[in-house]
Amino acid sequence: MSESRITYNGALVLQALARGLRYGFEIMDLTALPSGTVYPILRRFEHGGLVSSSWEETEAAHEQGRPRRRYYRLTAAGESALTQAVERFRAHERVFADAPSPGSR
């Protein structure tokens, strides 16, 4: 998956994983993105080799009285894609840094 395909929302998901968040609801909480955005991104990134996933043990979830979680982690390709996306979006900050506030003209 090329860097140019990483959207802003995709970069948010990668950054959440880089911060150590591991499953969908944690990512949704940090990013304020809905499940209908987060889970398709995770599936696309897994298919593209940017993340890998594994299911937790059934017993662990059962002991806590909840469904099993699917845990995600960045791959080396995901880390590289995140670095490129962060650089690209930081460059966009310059566009807004000197922008006049609405109505200030």
PDB file of N, CA and C in Angstrom:
ATOM      1  N   MET A   1       0.867  -1.188   0.000  1.00  0.00           N
ATOM      2  CA  MET A   1       0.000   0.000   0.000  1.00  0.00           C
ATOM      3  C   MET A   1       0.898   1.231   0.000  1.00  0.00           C
ATOM      4  N   SER A   2       0.660   2.140  -0.881  1.00  0.00           N
ATOM      5  CA  SER A   2       1.514   3.315  -0.989  1.00  0.00           C
ATOM      6  C   SER A   2       1.118   4.377   0.021  1.00  0.00           C
ATOM      7  N   GLU A   3       2.057   5.222   0.335  1.00  0.00           N
ATOM      8  CA  GLU A   3       1.853   6.307   1.296  1.00  0.00           C
ATOM      9  C   GLU A   3       0.752   7.235   0.840  1.00  0.00           C
ATOM     10  N   SER A   4       0.609   7.453  -0.452  1.00  0.00           N
ATOM     11  CA  SER A   4      -0.380   8.400  -0.943  1.00  0.00           C
ATOM     12  C   SER A   4      -1.809   7.944  -0.661  1.00  0.00           C
ATOM     13  N   ARG A   5      -1.992   6.684  -0.348  1.00  0.00           N
ATOM     14  CA  ARG A   5      -3.334   6.178  -0.078  1.00  0.00           C
ATOM     15  C   ARG A   5      -3.725   6.337   1.387  1.00  0.00           C
ATOM     16  N   ILE A   6      -2.828   6.776   2.238  1.00  0.00           N
ATOM     17  CA  ILE A   6      -3.138   6.945   3.654  1.00  0.00           C
ATOM     18  C   ILE A   6      -3.906   8.253   3.820  1.00  0.00           C
ATOM     19  N   THR A   7      -5.162   8.123   4.201  1.00  0.00           N
ATOM     20  CA  THR A   7      -5.991   9.301   4.446  1.00  0.00           C
ATOM     21  C   THR A   7      -5.710   9.846   5.839  1.00  0.00           C
ATOM     22  N   TYR A   8      -6.289  10.988   6.133  1.00  0.00           N
ATOM     23  CA  TYR A   8      -6.140  11.556   7.469  1.00  0.00           C
ATOM     24  C   TYR A   8      -6.687  10.588   8.515  1.00  0.00           C
ATOM     25  N   ASN A   9      -7.871  10.021   8.262  1.00  0.00           N
ATOM     26  CA  ASN A   9      -8.439   9.054   9.206  1.00  0.00           C
ATOM     27  C   ASN A   9      -7.548   7.825   9.325  1.00  0.00           C
ATOM     28  N   GLY A  10      -6.982   7.385   8.226  1.00  0.00           N
ATOM     29  CA  GLY A  10      -6.060   6.256   8.267  1.00  0.00           C
ATOM     30  C   GLY A  10      -4.839   6.568   9.119  1.00  0.00           C
ATOM     31  N   ALA A  11      -4.323   7.783   8.986  1.00  0.00           N
ATOM     32  CA  ALA A  11      -3.176   8.187   9.796  1.00  0.00           C
ATOM     33  C   ALA A  11      -3.548   8.208  11.280  1.00  0.00           C
ATOM     34  N   LEU A  12      -4.781   8.620  11.590  1.00  0.00           N
ATOM     35  CA  LEU A  12      -5.219   8.607  12.988  1.00  0.00           C
ATOM     36  C   LEU A  12      -5.221   7.181  13.543  1.00  0.00           C
ATOM     37  N   VAL A  13      -5.697   6.235  12.747  1.00  0.00           N
ATOM     38  CA  VAL A  13      -5.730   4.834  13.179  1.00  0.00           C
ATOM     39  C   VAL A  13      -4.309   4.306  13.363  1.00  0.00           C
ATOM     40  N   LEU A  14      -3.425   4.582  12.425  1.00  0.00           N
ATOM     41  CA  LEU A  14      -2.036   4.143  12.564  1.00  0.00           C
ATOM     42  C   LEU A  14      -1.384   4.763  13.793  1.00  0.00           C
ATOM     43  N   GLN A  15      -1.661   6.036  14.036  1.00  0.00           N
ATOM     44  CA  GLN A  15      -1.075   6.706  15.199  1.00  0.00           C
ATOM     45  C   GLN A  15      -1.597   6.094  16.496  1.00  0.00           C
ATOM     46  N   ALA A  16      -2.866   5.745  16.536  1.00  0.00           N
ATOM     47  CA  ALA A  16      -3.423   5.098  17.730  1.00  0.00           C
ATOM     48  C   ALA A  16      -2.712   3.776  17.990  1.00  0.00           C
ATOM     49  N   LEU A  17      -2.480   3.007  16.938  1.00  0.00           N
ATOM     50  CA  LEU A  17      -1.749   1.752  17.101  1.00  0.00           C
ATOM     51  C   LEU A  17      -0.319   2.006  17.554  1.00  0.00           C
ATOM     52  N   ALA A  18       0.305   3.027  17.017  1.00  0.00           N
ATOM     53  CA  ALA A  18       1.674   3.362  17.411  1.00  0.00           C
ATOM     54  C   ALA A  18       1.751   3.771  18.880  1.00  0.00           C
ATOM     55  N   ARG A  19       0.673   4.320  19.400  1.00  0.00           N
ATOM     56  CA  ARG A  19       0.621   4.708  20.823  1.00  0.00           C
ATOM     57  C   ARG A  19       0.321   3.530  21.736  1.00  0.00           C
ATOM     58  N   GLY A  20       0.147   2.356  21.157  1.00  0.00           N
ATOM     59  CA  GLY A  20      -0.049   1.165  21.964  1.00  0.00           C
ATOM     60  C   GLY A  20      -1.481   0.693  22.103  1.00  0.00           C
ATOM     61  N   LEU A  21      -2.411   1.384  21.475  1.00  0.00           N
ATOM     62  CA  LEU A  21      -3.789   0.907  21.505  1.00  0.00           C
ATOM     63  C   LEU A  21      -3.869  -0.305  20.592  1.00  0.00           C
ATOM     64  N   ARG A  22      -4.661  -1.296  20.995  1.00  0.00           N
ATOM     65  CA  ARG A  22      -4.575  -2.565  20.288  1.00  0.00           C
ATOM     66  C   ARG A  22      -5.870  -3.062  19.688  1.00  0.00           C
ATOM     67  N   TYR A  23      -7.009  -2.586  20.133  1.00  0.00           N
ATOM     68  CA  TYR A  23      -8.257  -3.110  19.565  1.00  0.00           C
ATOM     69  C   TYR A  23      -9.194  -1.964  19.198  1.00  0.00           C
ATOM     70  N   GLY A  24     -10.212  -2.301  18.402  1.00  0.00           N
ATOM     71  CA  GLY A  24     -11.069  -1.308  17.769  1.00  0.00           C
ATOM     72  C   GLY A  24     -11.677  -0.272  18.684  1.00  0.00           C
ATOM     73  N   PHE A  25     -12.260  -0.697  19.815  1.00  0.00           N
ATOM     74  CA  PHE A  25     -12.923   0.279  20.685  1.00  0.00           C
ATOM     75  C   PHE A  25     -11.935   1.272  21.288  1.00  0.00           C
ATOM     76  N   GLU A  26     -10.716   0.825  21.594  1.00  0.00           N
ATOM     77  CA  GLU A  26      -9.695   1.763  22.080  1.00  0.00           C
ATOM     78  C   GLU A  26      -9.377   2.801  21.006  1.00  0.00           C
ATOM     79  N   ILE A  27      -9.241   2.333  19.784  1.00  0.00           N
ATOM     80  CA  ILE A  27      -8.928   3.239  18.671  1.00  0.00           C
ATOM     81  C   ILE A  27     -10.071   4.225  18.457  1.00  0.00           C
ATOM     82  N   MET A  28     -11.297   3.723  18.528  1.00  0.00           N
ATOM     83  CA  MET A  28     -12.463   4.599  18.368  1.00  0.00           C
ATOM     84  C   MET A  28     -12.502   5.656  19.471  1.00  0.00           C
ATOM     85  N   ASP A  29     -12.191   5.268  20.700  1.00  0.00           N
ATOM     86  CA  ASP A  29     -12.202   6.224  21.808  1.00  0.00           C
ATOM     87  C   ASP A  29     -11.180   7.338  21.604  1.00  0.00           C
ATOM     88  N   LEU A  30      -9.971   6.982  21.195  1.00  0.00           N
ATOM     89  CA  LEU A  30      -8.924   7.989  21.023  1.00  0.00           C
ATOM     90  C   LEU A  30      -9.199   8.900  19.835  1.00  0.00           C
ATOM     91  N   THR A  31      -9.626   8.319  18.725  1.00  0.00           N
ATOM     92  CA  THR A  31      -9.745   9.091  17.488  1.00  0.00           C
ATOM     93  C   THR A  31     -11.105   9.756  17.298  1.00  0.00           C
ATOM     94  N   ALA A  32     -12.100   9.310  18.051  1.00  0.00           N
ATOM     95  CA  ALA A  32     -13.490   9.778  17.903  1.00  0.00           C
ATOM     96  C   ALA A  32     -14.062   9.410  16.527  1.00  0.00           C
ATOM     97  N   LEU A  33     -13.475   8.401  15.901  1.00  0.00           N
ATOM     98  CA  LEU A  33     -14.000   7.900  14.634  1.00  0.00           C
ATOM     99  C   LEU A  33     -15.009   6.798  14.921  1.00  0.00           C
ATOM    100  N   PRO A  34     -16.067   6.696  14.114  1.00  0.00           N
ATOM    101  CA  PRO A  34     -17.059   5.639  14.337  1.00  0.00           C
ATOM    102  C   PRO A  34     -16.535   4.275  13.884  1.00  0.00           C
ATOM    103  N   SER A  35     -17.195   3.241  14.374  1.00  0.00           N
ATOM    104  CA  SER A  35     -16.788   1.875  14.016  1.00  0.00           C
ATOM    105  C   SER A  35     -16.856   1.644  12.515  1.00  0.00           C
ATOM    106  N   GLY A  36     -17.802   2.274  11.844  1.00  0.00           N
ATOM    107  CA  GLY A  36     -17.936   2.131  10.405  1.00  0.00           C
ATOM    108  C   GLY A  36     -16.799   2.751   9.631  1.00  0.00           C
ATOM    109  N   THR A  37     -15.957   3.505  10.305  1.00  0.00           N
ATOM    110  CA  THR A  37     -14.743   4.060   9.706  1.00  0.00           C
ATOM    111  C   THR A  37     -13.523   3.260  10.144  1.00  0.00           C
ATOM    112  N   VAL A  38     -13.420   2.978  11.442  1.00  0.00           N
ATOM    113  CA  VAL A  38     -12.227   2.326  11.998  1.00  0.00           C
ATOM    114  C   VAL A  38     -12.051   0.910  11.463  1.00  0.00           C
ATOM    115  N   TYR A  39     -13.091   0.094  11.525  1.00  0.00           N
ATOM    116  CA  TYR A  39     -12.926  -1.306  11.144  1.00  0.00           C
ATOM    117  C   TYR A  39     -12.621  -1.502   9.660  1.00  0.00           C
ATOM    118  N   PRO A  40     -13.246  -0.759   8.748  1.00  0.00           N
ATOM    119  CA  PRO A  40     -12.831  -0.892   7.343  1.00  0.00           C
ATOM    120  C   PRO A  40     -11.379  -0.460   7.120  1.00  0.00           C
ATOM    121  N   ILE A  41     -10.930   0.561   7.825  1.00  0.00           N
ATOM    122  CA  ILE A  41      -9.532   0.990   7.706  1.00  0.00           C
ATOM    123  C   ILE A  41      -8.613  -0.130   8.189  1.00  0.00           C
ATOM    124  N   LEU A  42      -8.934  -0.710   9.343  1.00  0.00           N
ATOM    125  CA  LEU A  42      -8.110  -1.799   9.869  1.00  0.00           C
ATOM    126  C   LEU A  42      -8.062  -2.981   8.902  1.00  0.00           C
ATOM    127  N   ARG A  43      -9.203  -3.323   8.315  1.00  0.00           N
ATOM    128  CA  ARG A  43      -9.227  -4.433   7.346  1.00  0.00           C
ATOM    129  C   ARG A  43      -8.379  -4.103   6.115  1.00  0.00           C
ATOM    130  N   ARG A  44      -8.521  -2.868   5.621  1.00  0.00           N
ATOM    131  CA  ARG A  44      -7.741  -2.461   4.444  1.00  0.00           C
ATOM    132  C   ARG A  44      -6.245  -2.467   4.756  1.00  0.00           C
ATOM    133  N   PHE A  45      -5.886  -1.966   5.938  1.00  0.00           N
ATOM    134  CA  PHE A  45      -4.476  -1.942   6.323  1.00  0.00           C
ATOM    135  C   PHE A  45      -3.923  -3.352   6.528  1.00  0.00           C
ATOM    136  N   GLU A  46      -4.737  -4.237   7.074  1.00  0.00           N
ATOM    137  CA  GLU A  46      -4.262  -5.610   7.251  1.00  0.00           C
ATOM    138  C   GLU A  46      -4.058  -6.263   5.882  1.00  0.00           C
ATOM    139  N   HIS A  47      -5.000  -6.068   4.997  1.00  0.00           N
ATOM    140  CA  HIS A  47      -4.867  -6.615   3.640  1.00  0.00           C
ATOM    141  C   HIS A  47      -3.629  -6.045   2.942  1.00  0.00           C
ATOM    142  N   GLY A  48      -3.326  -4.783   3.210  1.00  0.00           N
ATOM    143  CA  GLY A  48      -2.176  -4.123   2.594  1.00  0.00           C
ATOM    144  C   GLY A  48      -0.859  -4.348   3.315  1.00  0.00           C
ATOM    145  N   GLY A  49      -0.881  -5.097   4.416  1.00  0.00           N
ATOM    146  CA  GLY A  49       0.362  -5.405   5.126  1.00  0.00           C
ATOM    147  C   GLY A  49       0.838  -4.342   6.095  1.00  0.00           C
ATOM    148  N   LEU A  50       0.000  -3.347   6.386  1.00  0.00           N
ATOM    149  CA  LEU A  50       0.411  -2.289   7.316  1.00  0.00           C
ATOM    150  C   LEU A  50       0.160  -2.663   8.773  1.00  0.00           C
ATOM    151  N   VAL A  51      -0.783  -3.548   8.996  1.00  0.00           N
ATOM    152  CA  VAL A  51      -1.058  -4.051  10.345  1.00  0.00           C
ATOM    153  C   VAL A  51      -1.244  -5.561  10.267  1.00  0.00           C
ATOM    154  N   SER A  52      -1.049  -6.200  11.398  1.00  0.00           N
ATOM    155  CA  SER A  52      -1.384  -7.618  11.525  1.00  0.00           C
ATOM    156  C   SER A  52      -2.332  -7.734  12.705  1.00  0.00           C
ATOM    157  N   SER A  53      -3.036  -8.845  12.791  1.00  0.00           N
ATOM    158  CA  SER A  53      -3.991  -9.002  13.881  1.00  0.00           C
ATOM    159  C   SER A  53      -4.003 -10.430  14.383  1.00  0.00           C
ATOM    160  N   SER A  54      -4.520 -10.582  15.587  1.00  0.00           N
ATOM    161  CA  SER A  54      -4.724 -11.905  16.169  1.00  0.00           C
ATOM    162  C   SER A  54      -5.863 -11.807  17.169  1.00  0.00           C
ATOM    163  N   TRP A  55      -6.558 -12.914  17.336  1.00  0.00           N
ATOM    164  CA  TRP A  55      -7.661 -12.957  18.289  1.00  0.00           C
ATOM    165  C   TRP A  55      -7.111 -13.320  19.666  1.00  0.00           C
ATOM    166  N   GLU A  56      -7.676 -12.708  20.686  1.00  0.00           N
ATOM    167  CA  GLU A  56      -7.275 -13.072  22.040  1.00  0.00           C
ATOM    168  C   GLU A  56      -7.848 -14.446  22.383  1.00  0.00           C
ATOM    169  N   GLU A  57      -7.326 -15.035  23.415  1.00  0.00           N
ATOM    170  CA  GLU A  57      -7.793 -16.339  23.869  1.00  0.00           C
ATOM    171  C   GLU A  57      -9.235 -16.229  24.370  1.00  0.00           C
ATOM    172  N   THR A  58     -10.030 -17.214  24.044  1.00  0.00           N
ATOM    173  CA  THR A  58     -11.437 -17.238  24.450  1.00  0.00           C
ATOM    174  C   THR A  58     -11.579 -17.162  25.964  1.00  0.00           C
ATOM    175  N   GLU A  59     -10.715 -17.858  26.672  1.00  0.00           N
ATOM    176  CA  GLU A  59     -10.813 -17.900  28.128  1.00  0.00           C
ATOM    177  C   GLU A  59     -10.628 -16.521  28.755  1.00  0.00           C
ATOM    178  N   ALA A  60      -9.713 -15.735  28.224  1.00  0.00           N
ATOM    179  CA  ALA A  60      -9.466 -14.391  28.767  1.00  0.00           C
ATOM    180  C   ALA A  60     -10.709 -13.520  28.638  1.00  0.00           C
ATOM    181  N   ALA A  61     -11.343 -13.570  27.495  1.00  0.00           N
ATOM    182  CA  ALA A  61     -12.559 -12.783  27.285  1.00  0.00           C
ATOM    183  C   ALA A  61     -13.693 -13.316  28.151  1.00  0.00           C
ATOM    184  N   HIS A  62     -13.806 -14.620  28.236  1.00  0.00           N
ATOM    185  CA  HIS A  62     -14.871 -15.243  29.029  1.00  0.00           C
ATOM    186  C   HIS A  62     -14.748 -14.859  30.507  1.00  0.00           C
ATOM    187  N   GLU A  63     -13.531 -14.846  31.020  1.00  0.00           N
ATOM    188  CA  GLU A  63     -13.306 -14.470  32.419  1.00  0.00           C
ATOM    189  C   GLU A  63     -13.760 -13.039  32.698  1.00  0.00           C
ATOM    190  N   GLN A  64     -13.684 -12.185  31.688  1.00  0.00           N
ATOM    191  CA  GLN A  64     -14.086 -10.790  31.856  1.00  0.00           C
ATOM    192  C   GLN A  64     -15.518 -10.554  31.391  1.00  0.00           C
ATOM    193  N   GLY A  65     -16.195 -11.612  30.962  1.00  0.00           N
ATOM    194  CA  GLY A  65     -17.596 -11.504  30.578  1.00  0.00           C
ATOM    195  C   GLY A  65     -17.854 -10.665  29.343  1.00  0.00           C
ATOM    196  N   ARG A  66     -17.002 -10.815  28.340  1.00  0.00           N
ATOM    197  CA  ARG A  66     -17.151 -10.033  27.107  1.00  0.00           C
ATOM    198  C   ARG A  66     -16.733 -10.865  25.917  1.00  0.00           C
ATOM    199  N   PRO A  67     -17.083 -10.403  24.712  1.00  0.00           N
ATOM    200  CA  PRO A  67     -16.631 -11.110  23.505  1.00  0.00           C
ATOM    201  C   PRO A  67     -15.107 -11.010  23.350  1.00  0.00           C
ATOM    202  N   ARG A  68     -14.553 -11.931  22.581  1.00  0.00           N
ATOM    203  CA  ARG A  68     -13.112 -11.873  22.298  1.00  0.00           C
ATOM    204  C   ARG A  68     -12.770 -10.607  21.529  1.00  0.00           C
ATOM    205  N   ARG A  69     -11.592 -10.105  21.763  1.00  0.00           N
ATOM    206  CA  ARG A  69     -11.096  -8.930  21.048  1.00  0.00           C
ATOM    207  C   ARG A  69     -10.115  -9.375  19.963  1.00  0.00           C
ATOM    208  N   ARG A  70     -10.128  -8.616  18.898  1.00  0.00           N
ATOM    209  CA  ARG A  70      -9.125  -8.805  17.854  1.00  0.00           C
ATOM    210  C   ARG A  70      -8.078  -7.734  18.071  1.00  0.00           C
ATOM    211  N   TYR A  71      -6.855  -8.147  18.324  1.00  0.00           N
ATOM    212  CA  TYR A  71      -5.773  -7.217  18.605  1.00  0.00           C
ATOM    213  C   TYR A  71      -4.976  -6.934  17.338  1.00  0.00           C
ATOM    214  N   TYR A  72      -4.681  -5.667  17.129  1.00  0.00           N
ATOM    215  CA  TYR A  72      -3.949  -5.210  15.951  1.00  0.00           C
ATOM    216  C   TYR A  72      -2.600  -4.656  16.378  1.00  0.00           C
ATOM    217  N   ARG A  73      -1.628  -4.766  15.483  1.00  0.00           N
ATOM    218  CA  ARG A  73      -0.320  -4.142  15.719  1.00  0.00           C
ATOM    219  C   ARG A  73       0.244  -3.671  14.392  1.00  0.00           C
ATOM    220  N   LEU A  74       1.051  -2.620  14.468  1.00  0.00           N
ATOM    221  CA  LEU A  74       1.708  -2.110  13.274  1.00  0.00           C
ATOM    222  C   LEU A  74       2.785  -3.067  12.815  1.00  0.00           C
ATOM    223  N   THR A  75       2.921  -3.222  11.535  1.00  0.00           N
ATOM    224  CA  THR A  75       4.060  -3.937  10.956  1.00  0.00           C
ATOM    225  C   THR A  75       5.128  -2.891  10.634  1.00  0.00           C
ATOM    226  N   ALA A  76       6.269  -3.337  10.180  1.00  0.00           N
ATOM    227  CA  ALA A  76       7.319  -2.398   9.758  1.00  0.00           C
ATOM    228  C   ALA A  76       6.808  -1.501   8.631  1.00  0.00           C
ATOM    229  N   ALA A  77       6.039  -2.084   7.717  1.00  0.00           N
ATOM    230  CA  ALA A  77       5.472  -1.283   6.622  1.00  0.00           C
ATOM    231  C   ALA A  77       4.495  -0.250   7.162  1.00  0.00           C
ATOM    232  N   GLY A  78       3.737  -0.614   8.185  1.00  0.00           N
ATOM    233  CA  GLY A  78       2.809   0.324   8.813  1.00  0.00           C
ATOM    234  C   GLY A  78       3.524   1.469   9.489  1.00  0.00           C
ATOM    235  N   GLU A  79       4.630   1.158  10.156  1.00  0.00           N
ATOM    236  CA  GLU A  79       5.421   2.213  10.800  1.00  0.00           C
ATOM    237  C   GLU A  79       5.970   3.182   9.760  1.00  0.00           C
ATOM    238  N   SER A  80       6.441   2.635   8.652  1.00  0.00           N
ATOM    239  CA  SER A  80       6.958   3.478   7.576  1.00  0.00           C
ATOM    240  C   SER A  80       5.843   4.347   6.978  1.00  0.00           C
ATOM    241  N   ALA A  81       4.680   3.751   6.752  1.00  0.00           N
ATOM    242  CA  ALA A  81       3.548   4.505   6.199  1.00  0.00           C
ATOM    243  C   ALA A  81       3.114   5.608   7.158  1.00  0.00           C
ATOM    244  N   LEU A  82       3.137   5.331   8.455  1.00  0.00           N
ATOM    245  CA  LEU A  82       2.773   6.350   9.435  1.00  0.00           C
ATOM    246  C   LEU A  82       3.773   7.497   9.404  1.00  0.00           C
ATOM    247  N   THR A  83       5.046   7.182   9.352  1.00  0.00           N
ATOM    248  CA  THR A  83       6.072   8.230   9.290  1.00  0.00           C
ATOM    249  C   THR A  83       5.852   9.135   8.079  1.00  0.00           C
ATOM    250  N   GLN A  84       5.581   8.533   6.924  1.00  0.00           N
ATOM    251  CA  GLN A  84       5.348   9.311   5.709  1.00  0.00           C
ATOM    252  C   GLN A  84       4.077  10.146   5.816  1.00  0.00           C
ATOM    253  N   ALA A  85       3.022   9.559   6.386  1.00  0.00           N
ATOM    254  CA  ALA A  85       1.759  10.290   6.520  1.00  0.00           C
ATOM    255  C   ALA A  85       1.913  11.467   7.474  1.00  0.00           C
ATOM    256  N   VAL A  86       2.610  11.261   8.579  1.00  0.00           N
ATOM    257  CA  VAL A  86       2.821  12.347   9.545  1.00  0.00           C
ATOM    258  C   VAL A  86       3.587  13.485   8.883  1.00  0.00           C
ATOM    259  N   GLU A  87       4.610  13.159   8.124  1.00  0.00           N
ATOM    260  CA  GLU A  87       5.369  14.198   7.421  1.00  0.00           C
ATOM    261  C   GLU A  87       4.474  14.959   6.450  1.00  0.00           C
ATOM    262  N   ARG A  88       3.635  14.225   5.718  1.00  0.00           N
ATOM    263  CA  ARG A  88       2.752  14.867   4.743  1.00  0.00           C
ATOM    264  C   ARG A  88       1.746  15.773   5.437  1.00  0.00           C
ATOM    265  N   PHE A  89       1.140  15.307   6.503  1.00  0.00           N
ATOM    266  CA  PHE A  89       0.131  16.122   7.180  1.00  0.00           C
ATOM    267  C   PHE A  89       0.764  17.275   7.953  1.00  0.00           C
ATOM    268  N   ARG A  90       1.972  17.112   8.437  1.00  0.00           N
ATOM    269  CA  ARG A  90       2.664  18.246   9.081  1.00  0.00           C
ATOM    270  C   ARG A  90       2.930  19.344   8.063  1.00  0.00           C
ATOM    271  N   ALA A  91       3.233  18.962   6.850  1.00  0.00           N
ATOM    272  CA  ALA A  91       3.443  19.969   5.802  1.00  0.00           C
ATOM    273  C   ALA A  91       2.165  20.758   5.564  1.00  0.00           C
ATOM    274  N   HIS A  92       1.021  20.139   5.759  1.00  0.00           N
ATOM    275  CA  HIS A  92      -0.259  20.838   5.587  1.00  0.00           C
ATOM    276  C   HIS A  92      -0.503  21.869   6.683  1.00  0.00           C
ATOM    277  N   GLU A  93       0.134  21.692   7.834  1.00  0.00           N
ATOM    278  CA  GLU A  93      -0.048  22.655   8.926  1.00  0.00           C
ATOM    279  C   GLU A  93       0.327  24.068   8.498  1.00  0.00           C
ATOM    280  N   ARG A  94       1.310  24.170   7.624  1.00  0.00           N
ATOM    281  CA  ARG A  94       1.750  25.497   7.169  1.00  0.00           C
ATOM    282  C   ARG A  94       0.626  26.241   6.471  1.00  0.00           C
ATOM    283  N   VAL A  95      -0.244  25.519   5.808  1.00  0.00           N
ATOM    284  CA  VAL A  95      -1.356  26.146   5.099  1.00  0.00           C
ATOM    285  C   VAL A  95      -2.269  26.861   6.091  1.00  0.00           C
ATOM    286  N   PHE A  96      -2.453  26.263   7.255  1.00  0.00           N
ATOM    287  CA  PHE A  96      -3.381  26.811   8.240  1.00  0.00           C
ATOM    288  C   PHE A  96      -2.708  27.723   9.260  1.00  0.00           C
ATOM    289  N   ALA A  97      -1.409  27.630   9.410  1.00  0.00           N
ATOM    290  CA  ALA A  97      -0.704  28.389  10.435  1.00  0.00           C
ATOM    291  C   ALA A  97      -0.854  29.895  10.261  1.00  0.00           C
ATOM    292  N   ASP A  98      -0.779  30.376   9.043  1.00  0.00           N
ATOM    293  CA  ASP A  98      -0.847  31.805   8.782  1.00  0.00           C
ATOM    294  C   ASP A  98      -2.197  32.237   8.212  1.00  0.00           C
ATOM    295  N   ALA A  99      -3.150  31.336   8.220  1.00  0.00           N
ATOM    296  CA  ALA A  99      -4.457  31.651   7.641  1.00  0.00           C
ATOM    297  C   ALA A  99      -5.220  32.630   8.514  1.00  0.00           C
ATOM    298  N   PRO A 100      -5.854  33.611   7.915  1.00  0.00           N
ATOM    299  CA  PRO A 100      -6.668  34.531   8.701  1.00  0.00           C
ATOM    300  C   PRO A 100      -7.890  33.806   9.241  1.00  0.00           C
ATOM    301  N   SER A 101      -8.332  34.238  10.374  1.00  0.00           N
ATOM    302  CA  SER A 101      -9.547  33.676  10.952  1.00  0.00           C
ATOM    303  C   SER A 101     -10.739  34.116  10.116  1.00  0.00           C
ATOM    304  N   PRO A 102     -11.764  33.301  10.031  1.00  0.00           N
ATOM    305  CA  PRO A 102     -12.959  33.703   9.283  1.00  0.00           C
ATOM    306  C   PRO A 102     -13.513  35.020   9.840  1.00  0.00           C
ATOM    307  N   GLY A 103     -13.828  35.914   8.961  1.00  0.00           N
ATOM    308  CA  GLY A 103     -14.401  37.202   9.361  1.00  0.00           C
ATOM    309  C   GLY A 103     -13.383  38.228   9.813  1.00  0.00           C
ATOM    310  N   SER A 104     -12.072  37.913   9.747  1.00  0.00           N
ATOM    311  CA  SER A 104     -11.074  38.868  10.226  1.00  0.00           C
ATOM    312  C   SER A 104     -10.541  39.762   9.117  1.00  0.00           C
ATOM    313  N   ARG A 105     -11.057  39.626   7.941  1.00  0.00           N
ATOM    314  CA  ARG A 105     -10.573  40.461   6.824  1.00  0.00           C
ATOM    315  C   ARG A 105     -11.215  41.808   6.857  1.00  0.00           C
TER     316      ARG A 105
END
